PDB file of N, CA and C in Angstrom:
ATOM      1  N   MET A   1      12.862  18.551  -6.220  1.00  0.00           N
ATOM      2  CA  MET A   1      13.345  19.321  -7.348  1.00  0.00           C
ATOM      3  C   MET A   1      14.613  18.664  -7.883  1.00  0.00           C
ATOM      4  N   LEU A   2      14.736  18.534  -9.203  1.00  0.00           N
ATOM      5  CA  LEU A   2      15.903  17.921  -9.817  1.00  0.00           C
ATOM      6  C   LEU A   2      17.042  18.923  -9.883  1.00  0.00           C
ATOM      7  N   GLU A   3      18.224  18.424  -9.589  1.00  0.00           N
ATOM      8  CA  GLU A   3      19.404  19.279  -9.678  1.00  0.00           C
ATOM      9  C   GLU A   3      19.959  19.236 -11.091  1.00  0.00           C
ATOM     10  N   ALA A   4      20.543  20.341 -11.517  1.00  0.00           N
ATOM     11  CA  ALA A   4      21.186  20.391 -12.823  1.00  0.00           C
ATOM     12  C   ALA A   4      22.443  19.540 -12.787  1.00  0.00           C
ATOM     13  N   PRO A   5      22.839  18.948 -13.917  1.00  0.00           N
ATOM     14  CA  PRO A   5      24.057  18.160 -13.929  1.00  0.00           C
ATOM     15  C   PRO A   5      25.269  19.024 -13.585  1.00  0.00           C
ATOM     16  N   ALA A   6      26.219  18.433 -12.912  1.00  0.00           N
ATOM     17  CA  ALA A   6      27.422  19.170 -12.531  1.00  0.00           C
ATOM     18  C   ALA A   6      28.188  19.586 -13.778  1.00  0.00           C
ATOM     19  N   LYS A   7      28.703  20.794 -13.749  1.00  0.00           N
ATOM     20  CA  LYS A   7      29.516  21.283 -14.858  1.00  0.00           C
ATOM     21  C   LYS A   7      30.925  20.727 -14.719  1.00  0.00           C
ATOM     22  N   ILE A   8      31.538  20.394 -15.847  1.00  0.00           N
ATOM     23  CA  ILE A   8      32.857  19.786 -15.849  1.00  0.00           C
ATOM     24  C   ILE A   8      33.773  20.570 -16.781  1.00  0.00           C
ATOM     25  N   TYR A   9      35.052  20.284 -16.680  1.00  0.00           N
ATOM     26  CA  TYR A   9      36.007  20.841 -17.630  1.00  0.00           C
ATOM     27  C   TYR A   9      36.259  19.787 -18.689  1.00  0.00           C
ATOM     28  N   ALA A  10      36.024  20.134 -19.922  1.00  0.00           N
ATOM     29  CA  ALA A  10      36.270  19.217 -21.020  1.00  0.00           C
ATOM     30  C   ALA A  10      36.657  20.030 -22.249  1.00  0.00           C
ATOM     31  N   ARG A  11      37.444  19.394 -23.121  1.00  0.00           N
ATOM     32  CA  ARG A  11      37.849  20.039 -24.375  1.00  0.00           C
ATOM     33  C   ARG A  11      37.556  19.090 -25.519  1.00  0.00           C
ATOM     34  N   PHE A  12      36.794  19.576 -26.488  1.00  0.00           N
ATOM     35  CA  PHE A  12      36.458  18.816 -27.675  1.00  0.00           C
ATOM     36  C   PHE A  12      36.796  19.633 -28.909  1.00  0.00           C
ATOM     37  N   VAL A  13      37.246  18.945 -29.949  1.00  0.00           N
ATOM     38  CA  VAL A  13      37.465  19.591 -31.239  1.00  0.00           C
ATOM     39  C   VAL A  13      36.779  18.719 -32.291  1.00  0.00           C
ATOM     40  N   LEU A  14      35.927  19.345 -33.084  1.00  0.00           N
ATOM     41  CA  LEU A  14      35.245  18.654 -34.170  1.00  0.00           C
ATOM     42  C   LEU A  14      35.839  19.136 -35.482  1.00  0.00           C
ATOM     43  N   PHE A  15      36.341  18.209 -36.271  1.00  0.00           N
ATOM     44  CA  PHE A  15      36.902  18.528 -37.581  1.00  0.00           C
ATOM     45  C   PHE A  15      35.872  18.173 -38.645  1.00  0.00           C
ATOM     46  N   VAL A  16      35.543  19.151 -39.486  1.00  0.00           N
ATOM     47  CA  VAL A  16      34.594  18.959 -40.576  1.00  0.00           C
ATOM     48  C   VAL A  16      35.231  19.451 -41.865  1.00  0.00           C
ATOM     49  N   ALA A  17      34.648  19.035 -42.998  1.00  0.00           N
ATOM     50  CA  ALA A  17      35.121  19.494 -44.308  1.00  0.00           C
ATOM     51  C   ALA A  17      34.025  20.342 -44.924  1.00  0.00           C
ATOM     52  N   GLY A  18      34.108  21.625 -44.717  1.00  0.00           N
ATOM     53  CA  GLY A  18      33.105  22.536 -45.254  1.00  0.00           C
ATOM     54  C   GLY A  18      31.826  22.511 -44.434  1.00  0.00           C
ATOM     55  N   ASP A  19      30.912  23.355 -44.847  1.00  0.00           N
ATOM     56  CA  ASP A  19      29.607  23.455 -44.177  1.00  0.00           C
ATOM     57  C   ASP A  19      28.641  22.561 -44.933  1.00  0.00           C
ATOM     58  N   ASN A  20      28.438  21.340 -44.418  1.00  0.00           N
ATOM     59  CA  ASN A  20      27.558  20.428 -45.137  1.00  0.00           C
ATOM     60  C   ASN A  20      26.546  19.770 -44.214  1.00  0.00           C
ATOM     61  N   ARG A  21      25.522  19.192 -44.806  1.00  0.00           N
ATOM     62  CA  ARG A  21      24.444  18.577 -44.035  1.00  0.00           C
ATOM     63  C   ARG A  21      24.905  17.327 -43.301  1.00  0.00           C
ATOM     64  N   GLN A  22      25.930  16.654 -43.791  1.00  0.00           N
ATOM     65  CA  GLN A  22      26.375  15.423 -43.149  1.00  0.00           C
ATOM     66  C   GLN A  22      26.904  15.665 -41.746  1.00  0.00           C
ATOM     67  N   SER A  23      27.636  16.727 -41.546  1.00  0.00           N
ATOM     68  CA  SER A  23      28.229  16.973 -40.236  1.00  0.00           C
ATOM     69  C   SER A  23      27.331  17.798 -39.320  1.00  0.00           C
ATOM     70  N   ALA A  24      26.205  18.296 -39.822  1.00  0.00           N
ATOM     71  CA  ALA A  24      25.327  19.139 -39.016  1.00  0.00           C
ATOM     72  C   ALA A  24      24.818  18.454 -37.745  1.00  0.00           C
ATOM     73  N   PRO A  25      24.373  17.187 -37.780  1.00  0.00           N
ATOM     74  CA  PRO A  25      23.901  16.561 -36.541  1.00  0.00           C
ATOM     75  C   PRO A  25      24.995  16.460 -35.470  1.00  0.00           C
ATOM     76  N   LEU A  26      26.197  16.154 -35.885  1.00  0.00           N
ATOM     77  CA  LEU A  26      27.298  16.056 -34.925  1.00  0.00           C
ATOM     78  C   LEU A  26      27.650  17.427 -34.376  1.00  0.00           C
ATOM     79  N   THR A  27      27.635  18.443 -35.218  1.00  0.00           N
ATOM     80  CA  THR A  27      27.896  19.814 -34.785  1.00  0.00           C
ATOM     81  C   THR A  27      26.858  20.256 -33.761  1.00  0.00           C
ATOM     82  N   GLN A  28      25.596  19.957 -34.036  1.00  0.00           N
ATOM     83  CA  GLN A  28      24.518  20.333 -33.118  1.00  0.00           C
ATOM     84  C   GLN A  28      24.620  19.573 -31.799  1.00  0.00           C
ATOM     85  N   ALA A  29      24.948  18.291 -31.860  1.00  0.00           N
ATOM     86  CA  ALA A  29      25.078  17.492 -30.634  1.00  0.00           C
ATOM     87  C   ALA A  29      26.213  18.016 -29.769  1.00  0.00           C
ATOM     88  N   LEU A  30      27.336  18.372 -30.389  1.00  0.00           N
ATOM     89  CA  LEU A  30      28.474  18.904 -29.637  1.00  0.00           C
ATOM     90  C   LEU A  30      28.110  20.238 -28.989  1.00  0.00           C
ATOM     91  N   ALA A  31      27.460  21.119 -29.735  1.00  0.00           N
ATOM     92  CA  ALA A  31      27.075  22.425 -29.184  1.00  0.00           C
ATOM     93  C   ALA A  31      26.116  22.262 -28.012  1.00  0.00           C
ATOM     94  N   ALA A  32      25.145  21.380 -28.152  1.00  0.00           N
ATOM     95  CA  ALA A  32      24.178  21.161 -27.072  1.00  0.00           C
ATOM     96  C   ALA A  32      24.852  20.572 -25.843  1.00  0.00           C
ATOM     97  N   PHE A  33      25.734  19.610 -26.041  1.00  0.00           N
ATOM     98  CA  PHE A  33      26.434  18.998 -24.912  1.00  0.00           C
ATOM     99  C   PHE A  33      27.273  20.039 -24.187  1.00  0.00           C
ATOM    100  N   CYS A  34      28.014  20.836 -24.937  1.00  0.00           N
ATOM    101  CA  CYS A  34      28.890  21.830 -24.314  1.00  0.00           C
ATOM    102  C   CYS A  34      28.092  22.893 -23.571  1.00  0.00           C
ATOM    103  N   ASP A  35      26.948  23.275 -24.106  1.00  0.00           N
ATOM    104  CA  ASP A  35      26.097  24.252 -23.412  1.00  0.00           C
ATOM    105  C   ASP A  35      25.573  23.693 -22.092  1.00  0.00           C
ATOM    106  N   ASP A  36      25.235  22.414 -22.087  1.00  0.00           N
ATOM    107  CA  ASP A  36      24.628  21.788 -20.911  1.00  0.00           C
ATOM    108  C   ASP A  36      25.623  21.315 -19.856  1.00  0.00           C
ATOM    109  N   HIS A  37      26.822  20.902 -20.282  1.00  0.00           N
ATOM    110  CA  HIS A  37      27.692  20.168 -19.363  1.00  0.00           C
ATOM    111  C   HIS A  37      29.048  20.796 -19.058  1.00  0.00           C
ATOM    112  N   THR A  38      29.524  21.704 -19.863  1.00  0.00           N
ATOM    113  CA  THR A  38      30.863  22.224 -19.601  1.00  0.00           C
ATOM    114  C   THR A  38      30.796  23.617 -19.001  1.00  0.00           C
ATOM    115  N   SER A  39      31.724  23.891 -18.130  1.00  0.00           N
ATOM    116  CA  SER A  39      31.776  25.217 -17.527  1.00  0.00           C
ATOM    117  C   SER A  39      32.948  25.997 -18.082  1.00  0.00           C
ATOM    118  N   THR A  40      34.134  25.494 -17.878  1.00  0.00           N
ATOM    119  CA  THR A  40      35.315  26.208 -18.349  1.00  0.00           C
ATOM    120  C   THR A  40      35.934  25.473 -19.526  1.00  0.00           C
ATOM    121  N   GLY A  41      35.182  24.587 -20.129  1.00  0.00           N
ATOM    122  CA  GLY A  41      35.710  23.786 -21.226  1.00  0.00           C
ATOM    123  C   GLY A  41      35.708  24.533 -22.541  1.00  0.00           C
ATOM    124  N   LEU A  42      36.134  23.830 -23.542  1.00  0.00           N
ATOM    125  CA  LEU A  42      36.251  24.408 -24.865  1.00  0.00           C
ATOM    126  C   LEU A  42      35.690  23.421 -25.870  1.00  0.00           C
ATOM    127  N   CYS A  43      34.788  23.881 -26.689  1.00  0.00           N
ATOM    128  CA  CYS A  43      34.234  23.096 -27.777  1.00  0.00           C
ATOM    129  C   CYS A  43      34.505  23.887 -29.043  1.00  0.00           C
ATOM    130  N   GLN A  44      35.320  23.322 -29.892  1.00  0.00           N
ATOM    131  CA  GLN A  44      35.766  24.051 -31.069  1.00  0.00           C
ATOM    132  C   GLN A  44      35.436  23.244 -32.318  1.00  0.00           C
ATOM    133  N   ILE A  45      35.051  23.933 -33.368  1.00  0.00           N
ATOM    134  CA  ILE A  45      34.792  23.296 -34.661  1.00  0.00           C
ATOM    135  C   ILE A  45      35.793  23.867 -35.653  1.00  0.00           C
ATOM    136  N   ILE A  46      36.514  22.964 -36.313  1.00  0.00           N
ATOM    137  CA  ILE A  46      37.539  23.378 -37.263  1.00  0.00           C
ATOM    138  C   ILE A  46      37.193  22.824 -38.633  1.00  0.00           C
ATOM    139  N   ASP A  47      37.139  23.702 -39.610  1.00  0.00           N
ATOM    140  CA  ASP A  47      36.917  23.312 -41.000  1.00  0.00           C
ATOM    141  C   ASP A  47      38.294  23.022 -41.608  1.00  0.00           C
ATOM    142  N   VAL A  48      38.526  21.775 -41.994  1.00  0.00           N
ATOM    143  CA  VAL A  48      39.850  21.383 -42.499  1.00  0.00           C
ATOM    144  C   VAL A  48      40.154  21.995 -43.861  1.00  0.00           C
ATOM    145  N   ILE A  49      39.130  22.466 -44.553  1.00  0.00           N
ATOM    146  CA  ILE A  49      39.370  23.155 -45.817  1.00  0.00           C
ATOM    147  C   ILE A  49      40.024  24.506 -45.550  1.00  0.00           C
ATOM    148  N   ASP A  50      39.565  25.175 -44.495  1.00  0.00           N
ATOM    149  CA  ASP A  50      40.138  26.472 -44.128  1.00  0.00           C
ATOM    150  C   ASP A  50      41.411  26.331 -43.300  1.00  0.00           C
ATOM    151  N   ARG A  51      41.518  25.250 -42.527  1.00  0.00           N
ATOM    152  CA  ARG A  51      42.651  25.069 -41.607  1.00  0.00           C
ATOM    153  C   ARG A  51      43.318  23.706 -41.787  1.00  0.00           C
ATOM    154  N   PRO A  52      43.912  23.443 -42.953  1.00  0.00           N
ATOM    155  CA  PRO A  52      44.572  22.150 -43.156  1.00  0.00           C
ATOM    156  C   PRO A  52      45.735  21.927 -42.192  1.00  0.00           C
ATOM    157  N   ASP A  53      46.325  23.018 -41.703  1.00  0.00           N
ATOM    158  CA  ASP A  53      47.421  22.893 -40.746  1.00  0.00           C
ATOM    159  C   ASP A  53      46.953  22.261 -39.439  1.00  0.00           C
ATOM    160  N   ALA A  54      45.747  22.614 -39.000  1.00  0.00           N
ATOM    161  CA  ALA A  54      45.203  22.035 -37.769  1.00  0.00           C
ATOM    162  C   ALA A  54      44.920  20.556 -37.959  1.00  0.00           C
ATOM    163  N   ALA A  55      44.382  20.193 -39.119  1.00  0.00           N
ATOM    164  CA  ALA A  55      44.125  18.781 -39.405  1.00  0.00           C
ATOM    165  C   ALA A  55      45.422  17.988 -39.392  1.00  0.00           C
ATOM    166  N   GLU A  56      46.457  18.545 -39.966  1.00  0.00           N
ATOM    167  CA  GLU A  56      47.751  17.865 -39.973  1.00  0.00           C
ATOM    168  C   GLU A  56      48.317  17.756 -38.561  1.00  0.00           C
ATOM    169  N   HIS A  57      48.196  18.810 -37.790  1.00  0.00           N
ATOM    170  CA  HIS A  57      48.706  18.823 -36.418  1.00  0.00           C
ATOM    171  C   HIS A  57      48.075  17.716 -35.578  1.00  0.00           C
ATOM    172  N   TYR A  58      46.776  17.517 -35.728  1.00  0.00           N
ATOM    173  CA  TYR A  58      46.064  16.504 -34.947  1.00  0.00           C
ATOM    174  C   TYR A  58      46.031  15.138 -35.639  1.00  0.00           C
ATOM    175  N   GLY A  59      46.599  15.045 -36.839  1.00  0.00           N
ATOM    176  CA  GLY A  59      46.632  13.770 -37.540  1.00  0.00           C
ATOM    177  C   GLY A  59      45.270  13.330 -38.055  1.00  0.00           C
ATOM    178  N   ILE A  60      44.456  14.284 -38.481  1.00  0.00           N
ATOM    179  CA  ILE A  60      43.118  13.988 -38.971  1.00  0.00           C
ATOM    180  C   ILE A  60      43.212  13.534 -40.426  1.00  0.00           C
ATOM    181  N   VAL A  61      42.643  12.349 -40.713  1.00  0.00           N
ATOM    182  CA  VAL A  61      42.690  11.811 -42.073  1.00  0.00           C
ATOM    183  C   VAL A  61      41.296  11.649 -42.668  1.00  0.00           C
ATOM    184  N   ALA A  62      40.245  11.832 -41.875  1.00  0.00           N
ATOM    185  CA  ALA A  62      38.874  11.710 -42.363  1.00  0.00           C
ATOM    186  C   ALA A  62      37.994  12.693 -41.599  1.00  0.00           C
ATOM    187  N   THR A  63      36.908  13.099 -42.246  1.00  0.00           N
ATOM    188  CA  THR A  63      35.958  13.975 -41.571  1.00  0.00           C
ATOM    189  C   THR A  63      34.574  13.386 -41.718  1.00  0.00           C
ATOM    190  N   PRO A  64      33.696  13.640 -40.789  1.00  0.00           N
ATOM    191  CA  PRO A  64      33.945  14.373 -39.550  1.00  0.00           C
ATOM    192  C   PRO A  64      34.693  13.514 -38.533  1.00  0.00           C
ATOM    193  N   THR A  65      35.536  14.156 -37.758  1.00  0.00           N
ATOM    194  CA  THR A  65      36.241  13.515 -36.657  1.00  0.00           C
ATOM    195  C   THR A  65      36.064  14.371 -35.415  1.00  0.00           C
ATOM    196  N   LEU A  66      35.580  13.754 -34.356  1.00  0.00           N
ATOM    197  CA  LEU A  66      35.414  14.423 -33.076  1.00  0.00           C
ATOM    198  C   LEU A  66      36.508  13.938 -32.140  1.00  0.00           C
ATOM    199  N   VAL A  67      37.280  14.868 -31.600  1.00  0.00           N
ATOM    200  CA  VAL A  67      38.393  14.527 -30.718  1.00  0.00           C
ATOM    201  C   VAL A  67      38.096  15.065 -29.325  1.00  0.00           C
ATOM    202  N   ARG A  68      38.184  14.179 -28.333  1.00  0.00           N
ATOM    203  CA  ARG A  68      38.090  14.621 -26.938  1.00  0.00           C
ATOM    204  C   ARG A  68      39.524  14.765 -26.451  1.00  0.00           C
ATOM    205  N   LEU A  69      39.924  16.006 -26.189  1.00  0.00           N
ATOM    206  CA  LEU A  69      41.282  16.269 -25.724  1.00  0.00           C
ATOM    207  C   LEU A  69      41.414  16.080 -24.225  1.00  0.00           C
ATOM    208  N   SER A  70      40.379  16.454 -23.493  1.00  0.00           N
ATOM    209  CA  SER A  70      40.390  16.256 -22.055  1.00  0.00           C
ATOM    210  C   SER A  70      38.966  16.098 -21.593  1.00  0.00           C
ATOM    211  N   PRO A  71      38.739  15.400 -20.520  1.00  0.00           N
ATOM    212  CA  PRO A  71      39.740  14.752 -19.688  1.00  0.00           C
ATOM    213  C   PRO A  71      40.367  13.549 -20.396  1.00  0.00           C
ATOM    214  N   GLU A  72      41.532  13.180 -19.909  1.00  0.00           N
ATOM    215  CA  GLU A  72      42.253  12.035 -20.453  1.00  0.00           C
ATOM    216  C   GLU A  72      41.445  10.767 -20.221  1.00  0.00           C
ATOM    217  N   PRO A  73      41.581   9.759 -21.001  1.00  0.00           N
ATOM    218  CA  PRO A  73      42.456   9.642 -22.169  1.00  0.00           C
ATOM    219  C   PRO A  73      41.823  10.327 -23.388  1.00  0.00           C
ATOM    220  N   ARG A  74      42.688  10.759 -24.286  1.00  0.00           N
ATOM    221  CA  ARG A  74      42.200  11.344 -25.525  1.00  0.00           C
ATOM    222  C   ARG A  74      41.484  10.268 -26.324  1.00  0.00           C
ATOM    223  N   ARG A  75      40.397  10.670 -26.979  1.00  0.00           N
ATOM    224  CA  ARG A  75      39.632   9.725 -27.790  1.00  0.00           C
ATOM    225  C   ARG A  75      39.228  10.396 -29.093  1.00  0.00           C
ATOM    226  N   ARG A  76      39.003   9.561 -30.123  1.00  0.00           N
ATOM    227  CA  ARG A  76      38.542  10.046 -31.427  1.00  0.00           C
ATOM    228  C   ARG A  76      37.309   9.270 -31.840  1.00  0.00           C
ATOM    229  N   PHE A  77      36.395   9.982 -32.442  1.00  0.00           N
ATOM    230  CA  PHE A  77      35.208   9.363 -33.017  1.00  0.00           C
ATOM    231  C   PHE A  77      35.193   9.794 -34.467  1.00  0.00           C
ATOM    232  N   ILE A  78      35.352   8.851 -35.368  1.00  0.00           N
ATOM    233  CA  ILE A  78      35.461   9.164 -36.791  1.00  0.00           C
ATOM    234  C   ILE A  78      34.179   8.742 -37.500  1.00  0.00           C
ATOM    235  N   GLY A  79      33.632   9.635 -38.298  1.00  0.00           N
ATOM    236  CA  GLY A  79      32.430   9.322 -39.062  1.00  0.00           C
ATOM    237  C   GLY A  79      31.184   9.859 -38.410  1.00  0.00           C
ATOM    238  N   MET A  80      30.058   9.415 -38.925  1.00  0.00           N
ATOM    239  CA  MET A  80      28.766   9.877 -38.440  1.00  0.00           C
ATOM    240  C   MET A  80      28.139   8.824 -37.540  1.00  0.00           C
ATOM    241  N   PRO A  81      28.237   9.003 -36.255  1.00  0.00           N
ATOM    242  CA  PRO A  81      27.688   8.019 -35.317  1.00  0.00           C
ATOM    243  C   PRO A  81      26.188   8.179 -35.126  1.00  0.00           C
ATOM    244  N   GLU A  82      25.586   7.171 -34.539  1.00  0.00           N
ATOM    245  CA  GLU A  82      24.188   7.282 -34.115  1.00  0.00           C
ATOM    246  C   GLU A  82      24.128   8.280 -32.957  1.00  0.00           C
ATOM    247  N   ALA A  83      22.969   8.854 -32.730  1.00  0.00           N
ATOM    248  CA  ALA A  83      22.810   9.868 -31.677  1.00  0.00           C
ATOM    249  C   ALA A  83      23.219   9.324 -30.316  1.00  0.00           C
ATOM    250  N   ALA A  84      22.868   8.086 -29.992  1.00  0.00           N
ATOM    251  CA  ALA A  84      23.224   7.498 -28.699  1.00  0.00           C
ATOM    252  C   ALA A  84      24.728   7.359 -28.571  1.00  0.00           C
ATOM    253  N   SER A  85      25.389   7.034 -29.664  1.00  0.00           N
ATOM    254  CA  SER A  85      26.840   6.901 -29.638  1.00  0.00           C
ATOM    255  C   SER A  85      27.522   8.233 -29.372  1.00  0.00           C
ATOM    256  N   VAL A  86      26.977   9.294 -29.921  1.00  0.00           N
ATOM    257  CA  VAL A  86      27.529  10.627 -29.675  1.00  0.00           C
ATOM    258  C   VAL A  86      27.442  10.965 -28.201  1.00  0.00           C
ATOM    259  N   GLU A  87      26.289  10.713 -27.604  1.00  0.00           N
ATOM    260  CA  GLU A  87      26.119  10.998 -26.175  1.00  0.00           C
ATOM    261  C   GLU A  87      27.081  10.172 -25.338  1.00  0.00           C
ATOM    262  N   ASP A  88      27.257   8.900 -25.674  1.00  0.00           N
ATOM    263  CA  ASP A  88      28.197   8.047 -24.933  1.00  0.00           C
ATOM    264  C   ASP A  88      29.617   8.572 -25.071  1.00  0.00           C
ATOM    265  N   PHE A  89      29.981   8.998 -26.287  1.00  0.00           N
ATOM    266  CA  PHE A  89      31.331   9.510 -26.513  1.00  0.00           C
ATOM    267  C   PHE A  89      31.567  10.794 -25.753  1.00  0.00           C
ATOM    268  N   LEU A  90      30.589  11.677 -25.768  1.00  0.00           N
ATOM    269  CA  LEU A  90      30.755  12.972 -25.111  1.00  0.00           C
ATOM    270  C   LEU A  90      30.757  12.869 -23.609  1.00  0.00           C
ATOM    271  N   ARG A  91      30.084  11.853 -23.083  1.00  0.00           N
ATOM    272  CA  ARG A  91      30.025  11.692 -21.623  1.00  0.00           C
ATOM    273  C   ARG A  91      31.443  11.493 -21.099  1.00  0.00           C
ATOM    274  N   VAL A  92      31.778  12.263 -20.108  1.00  0.00           N
ATOM    275  CA  VAL A  92      33.134  12.202 -19.553  1.00  0.00           C
ATOM    276  C   VAL A  92      33.126  11.668 -18.146  1.00  0.00           C
TER     277      VAL A  92
END
């Protein structure tokens, strides 16, 4: 019998500009990853149109931008990556 992957603590923030089709694949990939792999982690999606203060706080200059806050080191993925790249980025 296969064991489920171990749950980890991770924090991700995805910055998007409005509700659009371009960021939907990244939003879905983040939600699926967080459902499958994180236990006490946080996966948050921030619309920079509604929350420009958050974008400024994190230094976001383009969307979509996916930020891995933890585990360290912090990393950013800017733009629309291929599906395999998203999985590699999310893997902690």
